C-alpha atoms as a PDB file:
ATOM      1  CA  MET A   1     105.960  57.758  87.459  1.00  0.00           C
ATOM      2  CA  ASP A   2     107.506  54.152  85.916  1.00  0.00           C
ATOM      3  CA  GLY A   3     109.262  53.121  83.460  1.00  0.00           C
ATOM      4  CA  ALA A   4     106.416  51.918  81.335  1.00  0.00           C
ATOM      5  CA  ILE A   5     105.377  52.487  77.927  1.00  0.00           C
ATOM      6  CA  GLU A   6     101.702  53.371  76.636  1.00  0.00           C
ATOM      7  CA  ALA A   7     100.240  53.105  73.363  1.00  0.00           C
ATOM      8  CA  ILE A   8      96.888  54.405  72.061  1.00  0.00           C
ATOM      9  CA  VAL A   9      96.093  53.062  68.735  1.00  0.00           C
ATOM     10  CA  LEU A  10      93.546  54.830  66.268  1.00  0.00           C
ATOM     11  CA  ALA A  11      91.266  52.963  64.444  1.00  0.00           C
ATOM     12  CA  ALA A  12      88.449  55.233  64.002  1.00  0.00           C
ATOM     13  CA  GLY A  13      88.520  56.477  60.522  1.00  0.00           C
ATOM     14  CA  GLN A  14      85.999  55.406  57.833  1.00  0.00           C
ATOM     15  CA  SER A  15      87.953  54.184  55.014  1.00  0.00           C
ATOM     16  CA  THR A  16      86.729  56.482  52.318  1.00  0.00           C
ATOM     17  CA  ARG A  17      88.756  55.900  49.626  1.00  0.00           C
ATOM     18  CA  MET A  18      87.963  52.053  50.289  1.00  0.00           C
ATOM     19  CA  GLY A  19      84.797  52.266  49.051  1.00  0.00           C
ATOM     20  CA  ALA A  20      82.658  49.407  50.527  1.00  0.00           C
ATOM     21  CA  VAL A  21      85.545  47.765  52.088  1.00  0.00           C
ATOM     22  CA  ASP A  22      86.043  48.594  55.470  1.00  0.00           C
ATOM     23  CA  LYS A  23      89.798  48.220  55.402  1.00  0.00           C
ATOM     24  CA  LEU A  24      90.055  47.449  59.196  1.00  0.00           C
ATOM     25  CA  LEU A  25      88.073  44.479  58.658  1.00  0.00           C
ATOM     26  CA  LEU A  26      90.452  42.673  55.651  1.00  0.00           C
ATOM     27  CA  PRO A  27      92.557  39.747  56.861  1.00  0.00           C
ATOM     28  CA  ILE A  28      95.938  39.161  57.337  1.00  0.00           C
ATOM     29  CA  GLY A  29      97.080  35.730  57.772  1.00  0.00           C
ATOM     30  CA  GLY A  30      93.056  35.190  58.945  1.00  0.00           C
ATOM     31  CA  VAL A  31      93.060  38.334  61.375  1.00  0.00           C
ATOM     32  CA  PRO A  32      91.441  41.481  60.889  1.00  0.00           C
ATOM     33  CA  MET A  33      94.143  43.497  60.501  1.00  0.00           C
ATOM     34  CA  VAL A  34      93.285  46.161  63.401  1.00  0.00           C
ATOM     35  CA  ARG A  35      93.622  42.736  64.985  1.00  0.00           C
ATOM     36  CA  ARG A  36      96.915  42.509  64.107  1.00  0.00           C
ATOM     37  CA  CYS A  37      98.238  45.897  64.551  1.00  0.00           C
ATOM     38  CA  VAL A  38      96.774  46.523  67.653  1.00  0.00           C
ATOM     39  CA  ALA A  39      98.313  42.722  69.017  1.00  0.00           C
ATOM     40  CA  VAL A  40     101.467  44.506  68.243  1.00  0.00           C
ATOM     41  CA  PHE A  41     101.525  47.251  70.391  1.00  0.00           C
ATOM     42  CA  ALA A  42      99.698  45.084  73.070  1.00  0.00           C
ATOM     43  CA  SER A  43     103.186  43.165  72.906  1.00  0.00           C
ATOM     44  CA  LEU A  44     105.133  45.403  73.964  1.00  0.00           C
ATOM     45  CA  ALA A  45     103.006  48.119  75.514  1.00  0.00           C
ATOM     46  CA  SER A  46     100.884  48.741  78.513  1.00  0.00           C
ATOM     47  CA  PRO A  47      97.585  50.408  78.962  1.00  0.00           C
ATOM     48  CA  VAL A  48      96.845  49.972  75.292  1.00  0.00           C
ATOM     49  CA  THR A  49      93.829  52.635  74.229  1.00  0.00           C
ATOM     50  CA  VAL A  50      92.608  51.881  71.043  1.00  0.00           C
ATOM     51  CA  VAL A  51      90.298  54.631  69.921  1.00  0.00           C
ATOM     52  CA  VAL A  52      87.262  53.373  67.665  1.00  0.00           C
ATOM     53  CA  ASN A  53      84.268  54.574  65.772  1.00  0.00           C
ATOM     54  CA  ASP A  54      81.750  52.619  67.243  1.00  0.00           C
ATOM     55  CA  ARG A  55      82.407  50.343  71.096  1.00  0.00           C
ATOM     56  CA  LYS A  56      79.703  47.876  69.391  1.00  0.00           C
ATOM     57  CA  GLY A  57      80.917  48.152  66.046  1.00  0.00           C
ATOM     58  CA  ALA A  58      82.962  45.220  63.910  1.00  0.00           C
ATOM     59  CA  ALA A  59      86.356  46.551  64.857  1.00  0.00           C
ATOM     60  CA  ALA A  60      85.874  46.872  68.083  1.00  0.00           C
ATOM     61  CA  ARG A  61      84.343  43.751  67.999  1.00  0.00           C
ATOM     62  CA  SER A  62      87.438  41.876  66.131  1.00  0.00           C
ATOM     63  CA  LEU A  63      89.984  43.354  68.770  1.00  0.00           C
ATOM     64  CA  ALA A  64      87.615  40.770  71.576  1.00  0.00           C
ATOM     65  CA  GLY A  65      90.078  38.825  74.376  1.00  0.00           C
ATOM     66  CA  LEU A  66      93.204  41.565  73.779  1.00  0.00           C
ATOM     67  CA  ASP A  67      94.481  43.480  77.103  1.00  0.00           C
ATOM     68  CA  VAL A  68      92.867  46.630  75.524  1.00  0.00           C
ATOM     69  CA  ASN A  69      90.431  49.593  76.518  1.00  0.00           C
ATOM     70  CA  LEU A  70      88.267  51.502  74.078  1.00  0.00           C
ATOM     71  CA  ALA A  71      87.403  55.090  73.566  1.00  0.00           C
ATOM     72  CA  GLU A  72      84.959  55.914  71.114  1.00  0.00           C
ATOM     73  CA  ASN A  73      84.987  58.592  68.569  1.00  0.00           C
ATOM     74  CA  PRO A  74      81.384  58.345  66.950  1.00  0.00           C
ATOM     75  CA  VAL A  75      82.213  61.252  64.644  1.00  0.00           C
ATOM     76  CA  ALA A  76      81.354  60.615  61.013  1.00  0.00           C
ATOM     77  CA  ASP A  77      84.092  61.920  58.903  1.00  0.00           C
ATOM     78  CA  ALA A  78      86.399  61.067  62.517  1.00  0.00           C
ATOM     79  CA  ASP A  79      89.998  62.919  61.245  1.00  0.00           C
ATOM     80  CA  GLN A  80      93.585  60.987  62.788  1.00  0.00           C
ATOM     81  CA  GLN A  81      93.784  64.480  65.151  1.00  0.00           C
ATOM     82  CA  GLY A  82      90.339  63.814  66.970  1.00  0.00           C
ATOM     83  CA  SER A  83      90.822  60.649  67.403  1.00  0.00           C
ATOM     84  CA  ALA A  84      94.221  61.490  69.141  1.00  0.00           C
ATOM     85  CA  ARG A  85      93.159  63.965  71.351  1.00  0.00           C
ATOM     86  CA  ILE A  86      90.061  61.345  72.553  1.00  0.00           C
ATOM     87  CA  GLY A  87      92.718  59.209  73.186  1.00  0.00           C
ATOM     88  CA  LEU A  88      94.854  61.426  75.156  1.00  0.00           C
ATOM     89  CA  ALA A  89      91.967  61.826  77.042  1.00  0.00           C
ATOM     90  CA  ALA A  90      91.469  58.813  77.998  1.00  0.00           C
ATOM     91  CA  ALA A  91      95.263  57.824  78.082  1.00  0.00           C
ATOM     92  CA  GLU A  92      96.848  57.177  82.126  1.00  0.00           C
ATOM     93  CA  LEU A  93     100.481  59.133  81.062  1.00  0.00           C
ATOM     94  CA  ALA A  94     101.997  57.480  84.175  1.00  0.00           C
ATOM     95  CA  GLY A  95     104.769  55.669  82.406  1.00  0.00           C
ATOM     96  CA  ARG A  96     107.907  57.537  80.467  1.00  0.00           C
ATOM     97  CA  GLY A  97     106.092  57.326  76.718  1.00  0.00           C
ATOM     98  CA  LEU A  98     103.278  57.172  74.274  1.00  0.00           C
ATOM     99  CA  LEU A  99     103.229  55.609  71.427  1.00  0.00           C
ATOM    100  CA  ILE A 100     100.713  57.409  68.793  1.00  0.00           C
ATOM    101  CA  GLY A 101     100.326  54.619  65.713  1.00  0.00           C
ATOM    102  CA  LEU A 102      97.785  53.459  63.439  1.00  0.00           C
ATOM    103  CA  ALA A 103      95.431  50.234  62.861  1.00  0.00           C
ATOM    104  CA  ASP A 104      96.178  49.721  59.001  1.00  0.00           C
ATOM    105  CA  GLN A 105      99.957  49.025  58.831  1.00  0.00           C
ATOM    106  CA  PRO A 106     100.151  45.300  58.254  1.00  0.00           C
ATOM    107  CA  LEU A 107     103.981  45.193  57.737  1.00  0.00           C
ATOM    108  CA  LEU A 108     104.549  46.881  61.007  1.00  0.00           C
ATOM    109  CA  VAL A 109     106.122  43.859  63.640  1.00  0.00           C
ATOM    110  CA  ALA A 110     107.049  44.267  67.416  1.00  0.00           C
ATOM    111  CA  ALA A 111     110.511  44.261  65.949  1.00  0.00           C
ATOM    112  CA  ASP A 112     109.826  48.159  64.747  1.00  0.00           C
ATOM    113  CA  VAL A 113     108.412  49.389  67.722  1.00  0.00           C
ATOM    114  CA  VAL A 114     111.063  47.758  69.464  1.00  0.00           C
ATOM    115  CA  ALA A 115     113.943  49.741  67.567  1.00  0.00           C
ATOM    116  CA  LEU A 116     112.076  52.624  68.101  1.00  0.00           C
ATOM    117  CA  ILE A 117     111.578  52.461  71.538  1.00  0.00           C
ATOM    118  CA  ALA A 118     115.388  51.903  71.877  1.00  0.00           C
ATOM    119  CA  ALA A 119     115.729  55.244  69.336  1.00  0.00           C
ATOM    120  CA  PHE A 120     113.665  57.122  71.903  1.00  0.00           C
ATOM    121  CA  ASP A 121     115.478  55.647  74.895  1.00  0.00           C
ATOM    122  CA  ALA A 122     119.430  56.503  72.930  1.00  0.00           C
ATOM    123  CA  ALA A 123     118.081  60.279  72.182  1.00  0.00           C
ATOM    124  CA  GLY A 124     117.023  60.732  76.064  1.00  0.00           C
ATOM    125  CA  GLY A 125     113.720  60.527  75.924  1.00  0.00           C
ATOM    126  CA  ASP A 126     112.694  63.538  76.470  1.00  0.00           C
ATOM    127  CA  ALA A 127     111.951  64.512  73.077  1.00  0.00           C
ATOM    128  CA  ILE A 128     109.286  62.868  70.194  1.00  0.00           C
ATOM    129  CA  CYS A 129     110.818  60.483  68.239  1.00  0.00           C
ATOM    130  CA  ILE A 130     109.575  59.771  64.820  1.00  0.00           C
ATOM    131  CA  PRO A 131     110.262  57.200  62.599  1.00  0.00           C
ATOM    132  CA  ARG A 132     111.304  57.629  58.960  1.00  0.00           C
ATOM    133  CA  PHE A 133     112.418  56.325  55.740  1.00  0.00           C
ATOM    134  CA  ALA A 134     114.108  57.218  52.428  1.00  0.00           C
ATOM    135  CA  GLY A 135     112.783  60.598  53.698  1.00  0.00           C
ATOM    136  CA  GLN A 136     109.297  59.681  54.101  1.00  0.00           C
ATOM    137  CA  ARG A 137     107.687  60.221  57.722  1.00  0.00           C
ATOM    138  CA  GLY A 138     106.064  57.215  58.740  1.00  0.00           C
ATOM    139  CA  ASN A 139     104.540  56.177  62.143  1.00  0.00           C
ATOM    140  CA  PRO A 140     104.094  55.086  65.157  1.00  0.00           C
ATOM    141  CA  LEU A 141     105.377  58.142  66.924  1.00  0.00           C
ATOM    142  CA  LEU A 142     107.084  57.671  70.368  1.00  0.00           C
ATOM    143  CA  TRP A 143     105.972  60.873  72.940  1.00  0.00           C
ATOM    144  CA  PRO A 144     107.988  61.879  76.025  1.00  0.00           C
ATOM    145  CA  ALA A 145     104.319  61.085  78.611  1.00  0.00           C
ATOM    146  CA  SER A 146     105.303  64.332  80.522  1.00  0.00           C
ATOM    147  CA  LEU A 147     105.118  66.232  76.948  1.00  0.00           C
ATOM    148  CA  ALA A 148     101.877  64.147  76.056  1.00  0.00           C
ATOM    149  CA  ARG A 149     100.388  64.954  79.433  1.00  0.00           C
ATOM    150  CA  ALA A 150     101.190  68.936  78.343  1.00  0.00           C
ATOM    151  CA  VAL A 151      99.695  68.531  74.944  1.00  0.00           C
ATOM    152  CA  ARG A 152      96.165  67.391  76.440  1.00  0.00           C
ATOM    153  CA  ASP A 153      96.133  70.176  79.379  1.00  0.00           C
ATOM    154  CA  ALA A 154      96.587  72.863  76.617  1.00  0.00           C
ATOM    155  CA  GLY A 155      93.652  70.767  74.678  1.00  0.00           C
ATOM    156  CA  ALA A 156      96.404  71.166  71.632  1.00  0.00           C
ATOM    157  CA  SER A 157      96.368  68.341  68.885  1.00  0.00           C
ATOM    158  CA  PRO A 158      99.501  66.429  68.472  1.00  0.00           C
ATOM    159  CA  ARG A 159     100.438  67.244  64.940  1.00  0.00           C
ATOM    160  CA  GLY A 160      99.889  70.816  65.805  1.00  0.00           C
ATOM    161  CA  PHE A 161     102.755  70.552  68.324  1.00  0.00           C
ATOM    162  CA  ILE A 162     105.078  68.914  66.155  1.00  0.00           C
ATOM    163  CA  ASP A 163     104.435  71.540  63.377  1.00  0.00           C
ATOM    164  CA  ALA A 164     105.113  74.304  65.677  1.00  0.00           C
ATOM    165  CA  ASN A 165     108.228  72.513  67.439  1.00  0.00           C
ATOM    166  CA  PRO A 166     110.307  70.969  65.574  1.00  0.00           C
ATOM    167  CA  ALA A 167     113.030  71.051  68.109  1.00  0.00           C
ATOM    168  CA  ARG A 168     111.064  68.762  70.299  1.00  0.00           C
ATOM    169  CA  ILE A 169     111.360  66.120  67.335  1.00  0.00           C
ATOM    170  CA  ARG A 170     114.624  63.472  67.190  1.00  0.00           C
ATOM    171  CA  TRP A 171     114.295  61.817  63.984  1.00  0.00           C
ATOM    172  CA  PHE A 172     114.871  57.959  63.639  1.00  0.00           C
ATOM    173  CA  ASP A 173     115.755  56.438  60.547  1.00  0.00           C
ATOM    174  CA  ALA A 174     114.493  53.283  59.587  1.00  0.00           C
ATOM    175  CA  ALA A 175     115.924  50.223  58.249  1.00  0.00           C
ATOM    176  CA  ASN A 176     112.980  49.249  56.917  1.00  0.00           C
ATOM    177  CA  ASP A 177     109.728  50.532  55.407  1.00  0.00           C
ATOM    178  CA  HIS A 178     107.294  49.412  57.402  1.00  0.00           C
ATOM    179  CA  TYR A 179     106.739  52.663  59.267  1.00  0.00           C
ATOM    180  CA  THR A 180     105.953  54.189  55.948  1.00  0.00           C
ATOM    181  CA  ARG A 181     103.367  51.664  54.579  1.00  0.00           C
ATOM    182  CA  ASP A 182      99.589  52.121  55.230  1.00  0.00           C
ATOM    183  CA  VAL A 183      96.571  50.983  53.807  1.00  0.00           C
ATOM    184  CA  ASP A 184      94.468  53.838  52.246  1.00  0.00           C
ATOM    185  CA  THR A 185      93.009  52.542  48.867  1.00  0.00           C
ATOM    186  CA  PRO A 186      91.877  49.235  46.963  1.00  0.00           C
ATOM    187  CA  GLU A 187      95.837  49.240  45.413  1.00  0.00           C
ATOM    188  CA  ASP A 188      97.403  49.616  48.807  1.00  0.00           C
ATOM    189  CA  ALA A 189      94.996  46.620  49.878  1.00  0.00           C
ATOM    190  CA  ALA A 190      95.990  44.606  47.062  1.00  0.00           C
ATOM    191  CA  ARG A 191      99.904  45.204  46.904  1.00  0.00           C
ATOM    192  CA  LEU A 192     100.339  45.204  51.015  1.00  0.00           C
ATOM    193  CA  LEU A 193      98.365  42.185  51.643  1.00  0.00           C
ATOM    194  CA  ASP A 194     100.249  40.120  49.419  1.00  0.00           C
ATOM    195  CA  HIS A 195     102.662  40.156  51.801  1.00  0.00           C
ATOM    196  CA  ARG A 196     102.362  36.477  53.900  1.00  0.00           C
ATOM    197  CA  ILE A 197     102.310  37.672  56.975  1.00  0.00           C
ATOM    198  CA  GLY A 198     101.177  34.961  59.355  1.00  0.00           C
ATOM    199  CA  HIS A 199      98.465  34.721  62.250  1.00  0.00           C
ATOM    200  CA  ALA A 200     100.866  34.764  65.003  1.00  0.00           C
ATOM    201  CA  ASP A 201     103.071  37.184  63.547  1.00  0.00           C
ATOM    202  CA  THR A 202     104.464  40.035  65.735  1.00  0.00           C
ATOM    203  CA  GLY A 203     108.572  40.143  65.050  1.00  0.00           C
ATOM    204  CA  ARG A 204     109.111  38.563  67.907  1.00  0.00           C
END
């Protein structure tokens, strides 16, 4: 086992609350949101597995040129836990930690992920580090790779394991709300995408 941090990014949702709009393709500084979010993880983690609903779909195509692996969850009403299981099955889990993140957090930048990794290491790297802001739980989550392997091998869902094992959590009290803001509705999109986030802004 080496010291690498691996990542799974969940990007297989159907955007049902967005109507006819695919939220993952909403532009941020001229870049589809899914590409911008995945690029943040790819700047810090390796390997990166992105779970999409179609390897040939628009979201997958928008990731062209990024050093990521694609896994597919074709279920029409794919939920995050089903996608997380697929991501775990495709992951190497050979490093010290595994980030499980979302593709619809437009405010999240690399500095936020760096802060989470620092908190994980400071806590000993043997518990699931979960960010929270103003009492609200956020994403991404950072798992010890050994614990992620155990959950995968048991066929459990990550959320189910966390709910059943609160003693395995270490909370990271974040300095901003980047971890807790995502895009689920047109109102979210109108509010969050008003932030001027540049093409190359990964927080570094």
